[in-house]
Amino acid sequence: MKARWFTPLVAIAFLLLTPAAQAIQPPSVVSEAVPRPEKAVDVRFTLFKTSEVKTQEGFAFDGGDLFKSVTANHTAVLVQHPRGSFLFDTALGRDIDQQYRYDMPWWAKPLFSYGPVKPLRDQMDAAQLGPVDRIILSHAHWDHASGLKDFPRAEVWITKAEKDFIAQRHPGAVLPSQVDAPDLNWKVYDFENRPFASFARSRDVFGDGSVVLVPLSGHTPGSVGLFLTVKSGKQYFLCGDVVWRLEAAQRIKPKFWVPSRIVDNDRPATLHSVEHLHRLMLANPALIVVPTHDAAVQDALGYFPHWVD
């Protein structure tokens, strides 16, 4: 299958016919720094790349270079903590070809595609990594939830807003064959009224401040981001699909409007999350922000068997 996100001729036509987006004024810098755990915790994570595609920067965010080729990854993250391990997304799973063939609408197939796949479960089994009993979804789109069925014993953490979202039909974004299986072990969770950095609510996964979830609604109603403070003290923020390229957050740019109309459930709210991410980065210059699909950011971190600690 040819690797592409968006058909170039179709996207170029849309781009040429679309009025230029209004300039967005950068918001003022927020003062909230990302908190650190009271003591060092032996946390580490690794990136599993299940597939990659070539696209043009201009298709990933408004104002990007239409003639600059970039790589977009389909990536899952394995996090290890002294009290347990979990996956943040599953990326593309063993059944992605069948899921895509039967559930992806014909009109969306020219826009969304993927390259050769190395399923997450196959990579983990080959490395003899122990069973994972928890998966936390950044959101339930097809390229994040494809591998859920490959981990039948895992508890799948999802917000109530996201669970309600997938109960409806969202062609081109959510594939029923991935999320409708009756044996999926959903765990619906909520956030606590406890501020974390610039977020009013959060959920401390292990209660020690090293692994913290925050709401990032817009792309989907229940999208979440994940803060990680690893053993070395470095801090990372896995921001899901708020942006597809880090440059979009740096420049406060929305996604290219053609795919955005399909995948961003609430476009104004998504842009609000992009602005929030921009402010967070300004307030915390040492924070490393990792979008799920940005190969340039992920290449610098490395992939399994390399661990970030």
Protein backbone atom coordinates (compact mmCIF):
# COMPACT_ATOMS: atom_id res chain seq x y z
CA MET A 1 0.00 0.00 0.00
CA LYS A 2 1.43 3.37 -0.93
CA ALA A 3 2.37 5.32 2.18
CA ARG A 4 0.64 8.67 2.32
CA TRP A 5 -1.60 10.71 4.56
CA PHE A 6 -3.16 12.98 1.99
CA THR A 7 -3.39 12.69 -1.80
CA PRO A 8 -1.10 15.49 -3.04
CA LEU A 9 -3.20 16.72 -6.00
CA VAL A 10 -6.39 16.82 -3.94
CA ALA A 11 -4.71 18.57 -1.04
CA ILE A 12 -2.93 21.10 -3.28
CA ALA A 13 -6.24 21.99 -4.90
CA PHE A 14 -7.86 22.51 -1.51
CA LEU A 15 -4.89 24.56 -0.35
CA LEU A 16 -4.94 26.85 -3.37
CA LEU A 17 -8.68 27.41 -3.08
CA THR A 18 -8.63 28.06 0.67
CA PRO A 19 -8.29 31.63 1.98
CA ALA A 20 -5.23 32.19 4.13
CA ALA A 21 -5.87 31.63 7.82
CA GLN A 22 -5.98 34.70 10.00
CA ALA A 23 -2.84 35.27 12.02
CA ILE A 24 -3.12 34.17 15.62
CA GLN A 25 -1.51 36.33 18.27
CA PRO A 26 0.77 34.36 20.61
CA PRO A 27 -0.78 34.19 24.07
CA SER A 28 1.12 35.61 27.03
CA VAL A 29 3.46 33.30 28.91
CA VAL A 30 1.90 31.43 31.82
CA SER A 31 3.74 31.22 35.10
CA GLU A 32 2.88 27.63 36.04
CA ALA A 33 5.94 25.40 35.91
CA VAL A 34 5.53 21.65 35.57
CA PRO A 35 5.85 20.31 39.15
CA ARG A 36 8.51 17.79 40.04
CA PRO A 37 8.03 14.74 42.27
CA GLU A 38 9.15 15.22 45.85
CA LYS A 39 11.79 12.54 45.31
CA ALA A 40 13.28 10.82 42.28
CA VAL A 41 11.24 7.91 40.91
CA ASP A 42 12.69 5.17 38.70
CA VAL A 43 10.49 5.93 35.68
CA ARG A 44 11.49 5.27 32.09
CA PHE A 45 9.76 4.89 28.74
CA THR A 46 10.39 3.62 25.24
CA LEU A 47 8.85 4.35 21.86
CA PHE A 48 7.58 1.58 19.59
CA LYS A 49 7.27 2.63 15.95
CA THR A 50 4.69 0.41 14.24
CA SER A 51 4.67 2.23 10.89
CA GLU A 52 5.67 5.42 9.14
CA VAL A 53 4.41 7.45 6.20
CA LYS A 54 5.76 10.25 4.03
CA THR A 55 3.72 13.41 3.73
CA GLN A 56 4.23 17.11 3.09
CA GLU A 57 4.70 19.54 5.95
CA GLY A 58 1.98 21.75 4.47
CA PHE A 59 -0.57 18.95 4.88
CA ALA A 60 0.21 18.58 8.59
CA PHE A 61 -0.39 22.16 9.69
CA ASP A 62 -1.58 25.44 8.27
CA GLY A 63 1.31 27.44 6.87
CA GLY A 64 3.66 24.48 6.55
CA ASP A 65 5.86 24.06 3.49
CA LEU A 66 3.88 22.28 0.78
CA PHE A 67 7.09 21.13 -0.91
CA LYS A 68 8.91 19.88 2.19
CA SER A 69 8.68 16.12 2.73
CA VAL A 70 8.40 14.95 6.33
CA THR A 71 7.91 11.59 8.04
CA ALA A 72 4.94 10.84 10.27
CA ASN A 73 5.12 7.90 12.67
CA HIS A 74 2.46 5.63 14.15
CA THR A 75 3.89 5.18 17.62
CA ALA A 76 2.97 3.60 20.96
CA VAL A 77 4.75 4.25 24.26
CA LEU A 78 5.58 1.75 26.99
CA VAL A 79 6.04 3.36 30.42
CA GLN A 80 7.74 1.52 33.28
CA HIS A 81 7.23 2.59 36.89
CA PRO A 82 8.24 0.73 40.07
CA ARG A 83 4.56 0.02 40.69
CA GLY A 84 3.75 -1.25 37.21
CA SER A 85 3.98 -0.78 33.46
CA PHE A 86 1.42 0.51 30.99
CA LEU A 87 1.03 1.44 27.35
CA PHE A 88 0.11 4.91 26.16
CA ASP A 89 -1.78 4.04 22.94
CA THR A 90 -1.23 0.91 20.83
CA ALA A 91 -0.66 2.44 17.37
CA LEU A 92 -1.26 -0.01 14.48
CA GLY A 93 -2.09 -3.56 15.50
CA ARG A 94 -2.12 -7.03 13.98
CA ASP A 95 -5.55 -6.58 12.36
CA ILE A 96 -5.04 -3.08 10.93
CA ASP A 97 -5.33 -4.20 7.28
CA GLN A 98 -8.71 -5.82 7.90
CA GLN A 99 -9.90 -2.96 10.11
CA TYR A 100 -8.91 -0.41 7.50
CA ARG A 101 -10.34 -2.38 4.57
CA TYR A 102 -13.81 -2.78 6.07
CA ASP A 103 -14.27 0.28 8.29
CA MET A 104 -12.39 3.15 6.64
CA PRO A 105 -14.85 4.96 4.32
CA TRP A 106 -13.93 4.95 0.64
CA TRP A 107 -13.78 8.75 0.58
CA ALA A 108 -11.27 8.82 3.47
CA LYS A 109 -8.89 6.19 2.09
CA PRO A 110 -7.20 8.64 -0.32
CA LEU A 111 -6.52 10.93 2.66
CA PHE A 112 -5.33 8.49 5.32
CA SER A 113 -3.00 5.56 4.82
CA TYR A 114 0.05 3.86 6.32
CA GLY A 115 3.22 2.02 5.35
CA PRO A 116 4.50 -1.47 6.24
CA VAL A 117 3.40 -2.41 9.76
CA LYS A 118 5.30 -3.98 12.66
CA PRO A 119 2.52 -4.49 15.22
CA LEU A 120 3.29 -3.45 18.78
CA ARG A 121 2.35 -6.83 20.24
CA ASP A 122 4.70 -8.63 17.86
CA GLN A 123 7.59 -6.36 18.82
CA MET A 124 6.93 -6.83 22.52
CA ASP A 125 6.57 -10.60 22.24
CA ALA A 126 9.82 -10.86 20.28
CA ALA A 127 11.58 -8.97 23.07
CA GLN A 128 9.91 -11.17 25.71
CA LEU A 129 8.45 -8.18 27.47
CA GLY A 130 6.01 -9.22 30.16
CA PRO A 131 2.26 -8.87 29.79
CA VAL A 132 0.84 -5.37 30.05
CA ASP A 133 -2.24 -5.09 32.22
CA ARG A 134 -3.10 -1.45 31.46
CA ILE A 135 -3.46 0.65 28.30
CA ILE A 136 -4.17 4.37 28.55
CA LEU A 137 -5.54 5.85 25.34
CA SER A 138 -4.59 9.38 24.40
CA HIS A 139 -7.77 9.15 22.31
CA ALA A 140 -9.66 6.50 20.37
CA HIS A 141 -8.83 7.30 16.74
CA TRP A 142 -8.03 4.41 14.39
CA ASP A 143 -4.27 4.89 14.37
CA HIS A 144 -4.07 4.91 18.18
CA ALA A 145 -6.53 2.14 19.10
CA SER A 146 -5.85 -0.44 16.38
CA GLY A 147 -3.90 -2.77 18.69
CA LEU A 148 -6.35 -2.89 21.61
CA LYS A 149 -7.55 -6.37 20.64
CA ASP A 150 -3.95 -7.62 20.67
CA PHE A 151 -3.92 -7.20 24.47
CA PRO A 152 -7.14 -8.97 25.54
CA ARG A 153 -6.27 -9.04 29.25
CA ALA A 154 -5.38 -5.37 29.54
CA GLU A 155 -7.56 -2.81 31.27
CA VAL A 156 -8.20 0.02 28.81
CA TRP A 157 -8.28 3.41 30.53
CA ILE A 158 -10.48 5.99 28.86
CA THR A 159 -12.27 9.13 30.00
CA LYS A 160 -16.06 9.19 30.13
CA ALA A 161 -16.13 11.90 27.46
CA GLU A 162 -14.11 9.65 25.13
CA LYS A 163 -16.22 6.58 25.90
CA ASP A 164 -19.36 8.54 25.04
CA PHE A 165 -17.63 9.79 21.90
CA ILE A 166 -16.86 6.33 20.51
CA ALA A 167 -20.40 5.17 21.24
CA GLN A 168 -21.37 7.34 18.27
CA ARG A 169 -20.16 6.97 14.70
CA HIS A 170 -17.24 9.06 13.42
CA PRO A 171 -16.39 7.83 9.89
CA GLY A 172 -12.75 8.23 8.98
CA ALA A 173 -11.72 8.80 12.58
CA VAL A 174 -13.00 5.93 14.77
CA LEU A 175 -13.23 2.40 13.35
CA PRO A 176 -15.97 0.26 14.96
CA SER A 177 -14.02 -3.00 14.58
CA GLN A 178 -11.36 -1.60 16.92
CA VAL A 179 -13.57 -0.39 19.76
CA ASP A 180 -16.82 -2.39 19.57
CA ALA A 181 -15.50 -5.78 20.70
CA PRO A 182 -17.56 -6.92 23.72
CA ASP A 183 -14.53 -8.38 25.49
CA LEU A 184 -12.58 -5.11 25.69
CA ASN A 185 -12.00 -4.34 29.37
CA TRP A 186 -12.82 -0.64 29.58
CA LYS A 187 -12.02 1.37 32.70
CA VAL A 188 -13.67 4.77 32.67
CA TYR A 189 -11.80 7.28 34.80
CA ASP A 190 -12.11 10.96 35.66
CA PHE A 191 -9.77 13.76 36.58
CA GLU A 192 -9.39 15.17 40.07
CA ASN A 193 -9.86 18.85 40.88
CA ARG A 194 -6.14 19.13 41.47
CA PRO A 195 -4.18 21.63 39.35
CA PHE A 196 -1.02 20.46 37.62
CA ALA A 197 1.09 23.09 35.86
CA SER A 198 -1.37 25.17 33.82
CA PHE A 199 -4.10 22.51 33.91
CA ALA A 200 -6.97 22.93 36.36
CA ARG A 201 -7.55 19.18 36.65
CA SER A 202 -5.29 16.16 36.57
CA ARG A 203 -4.92 12.51 37.51
CA ASP A 204 -1.76 11.30 39.24
CA VAL A 205 -1.51 7.70 38.03
CA PHE A 206 0.76 6.39 40.81
CA GLY A 207 0.30 9.13 43.42
CA ASP A 208 3.92 10.31 43.42
CA GLY A 209 3.85 13.08 40.77
CA SER A 210 5.97 11.21 38.21
CA VAL A 211 3.19 10.11 35.84
CA VAL A 212 0.30 12.57 35.47
CA LEU A 213 -2.61 12.69 33.03
CA VAL A 214 -4.32 15.95 32.00
CA PRO A 215 -7.32 16.71 29.75
CA LEU A 216 -6.67 17.97 26.21
CA SER A 217 -10.15 18.12 24.71
CA GLY A 218 -10.82 19.33 21.19
CA HIS A 219 -9.25 16.79 18.84
CA THR A 220 -11.70 14.43 20.54
CA PRO A 221 -13.84 15.25 23.59
CA GLY A 222 -11.80 12.96 25.86
CA SER A 223 -8.27 13.41 24.52
CA VAL A 224 -5.57 13.38 27.20
CA GLY A 225 -1.91 14.26 27.56
CA LEU A 226 0.68 12.53 29.74
CA PHE A 227 3.43 14.17 31.79
CA LEU A 228 6.41 11.96 32.63
CA THR A 229 9.30 12.80 34.96
CA VAL A 230 11.93 10.11 34.39
CA LYS A 231 14.68 8.94 36.73
CA SER A 232 17.20 11.49 35.44
CA GLY A 233 14.81 14.33 36.28
CA LYS A 234 14.04 15.21 32.66
CA GLN A 235 10.38 15.95 31.97
CA TYR A 236 8.35 14.97 28.94
CA PHE A 237 4.83 15.71 27.76
CA LEU A 238 3.14 13.23 25.41
CA CYS A 239 0.51 15.41 23.76
CA GLY A 240 -1.25 12.92 21.48
CA ASP A 241 -2.68 14.56 18.36
CA VAL A 242 -3.21 18.10 19.60
CA VAL A 243 -0.63 18.78 16.90
CA TRP A 244 0.90 16.44 14.33
CA ARG A 245 4.17 18.39 14.17
CA LEU A 246 5.88 20.24 17.01
CA GLU A 247 6.27 23.29 14.76
CA ALA A 248 2.50 23.70 14.84
CA ALA A 249 2.61 24.27 18.62
CA GLN A 250 5.63 26.55 18.35
CA ARG A 251 3.88 28.68 15.71
CA ILE A 252 0.31 28.23 17.06
CA LYS A 253 -1.03 26.73 13.87
CA PRO A 254 -4.07 24.48 13.39
CA LYS A 255 -3.95 21.34 11.27
CA PHE A 256 -4.41 21.66 7.52
CA TRP A 257 -8.14 22.21 7.18
CA VAL A 258 -8.96 19.22 4.93
CA PRO A 259 -8.02 16.45 7.42
CA SER A 260 -8.93 18.69 10.34
CA ARG A 261 -12.58 18.63 9.28
CA ILE A 262 -12.51 14.84 9.60
CA VAL A 263 -10.35 14.26 12.66
CA ASP A 264 -10.76 17.35 14.88
CA ASN A 265 -14.09 16.88 16.61
CA ASP A 266 -14.17 20.52 17.80
CA ARG A 267 -11.83 22.70 15.74
CA PRO A 268 -11.98 25.85 17.93
CA ALA A 269 -11.37 23.75 21.06
CA THR A 270 -8.48 21.98 19.32
CA LEU A 271 -6.87 25.32 18.50
CA HIS A 272 -7.38 26.35 22.13
CA SER A 273 -5.40 23.25 23.15
CA VAL A 274 -2.67 24.20 20.66
CA GLU A 275 -2.48 27.65 22.28
CA HIS A 276 -2.37 26.03 25.73
CA LEU A 277 0.48 23.78 24.57
CA HIS A 278 2.35 26.79 23.21
CA ARG A 279 2.07 28.60 26.55
CA LEU A 280 3.17 25.47 28.40
CA MET A 281 6.29 25.24 26.25
CA LEU A 282 7.16 28.91 26.80
CA ALA A 283 6.78 28.54 30.56
CA ASN A 284 8.81 25.32 30.65
CA PRO A 285 11.63 25.57 28.08
CA ALA A 286 13.28 22.35 29.32
CA LEU A 287 10.06 20.34 28.84
CA ILE A 288 10.31 17.93 25.89
CA VAL A 289 6.96 17.78 24.06
CA VAL A 290 6.34 14.63 22.04
CA PRO A 291 3.49 14.58 19.47
CA THR A 292 2.47 11.03 18.56
CA HIS A 293 3.25 11.38 14.84
CA ASP A 294 6.30 13.67 14.79
CA ALA A 295 9.20 11.54 13.56
CA ALA A 296 11.74 14.37 13.93
CA VAL A 297 11.08 14.62 17.68
CA GLN A 298 10.95 10.86 18.13
CA ASP A 299 14.11 10.18 16.11
CA ALA A 300 16.01 12.34 18.60
CA LEU A 301 14.68 10.24 21.50
CA GLY A 302 15.26 6.86 19.86
CA TYR A 303 13.09 3.76 19.62
CA PHE A 304 12.89 0.40 21.37
CA PRO A 305 15.17 -1.21 22.51
CA HIS A 306 16.45 2.24 23.54
CA TRP A 307 14.89 3.51 26.77
CA VAL A 308 14.49 7.14 27.83
CA ASP A 309 15.38 7.46 31.51
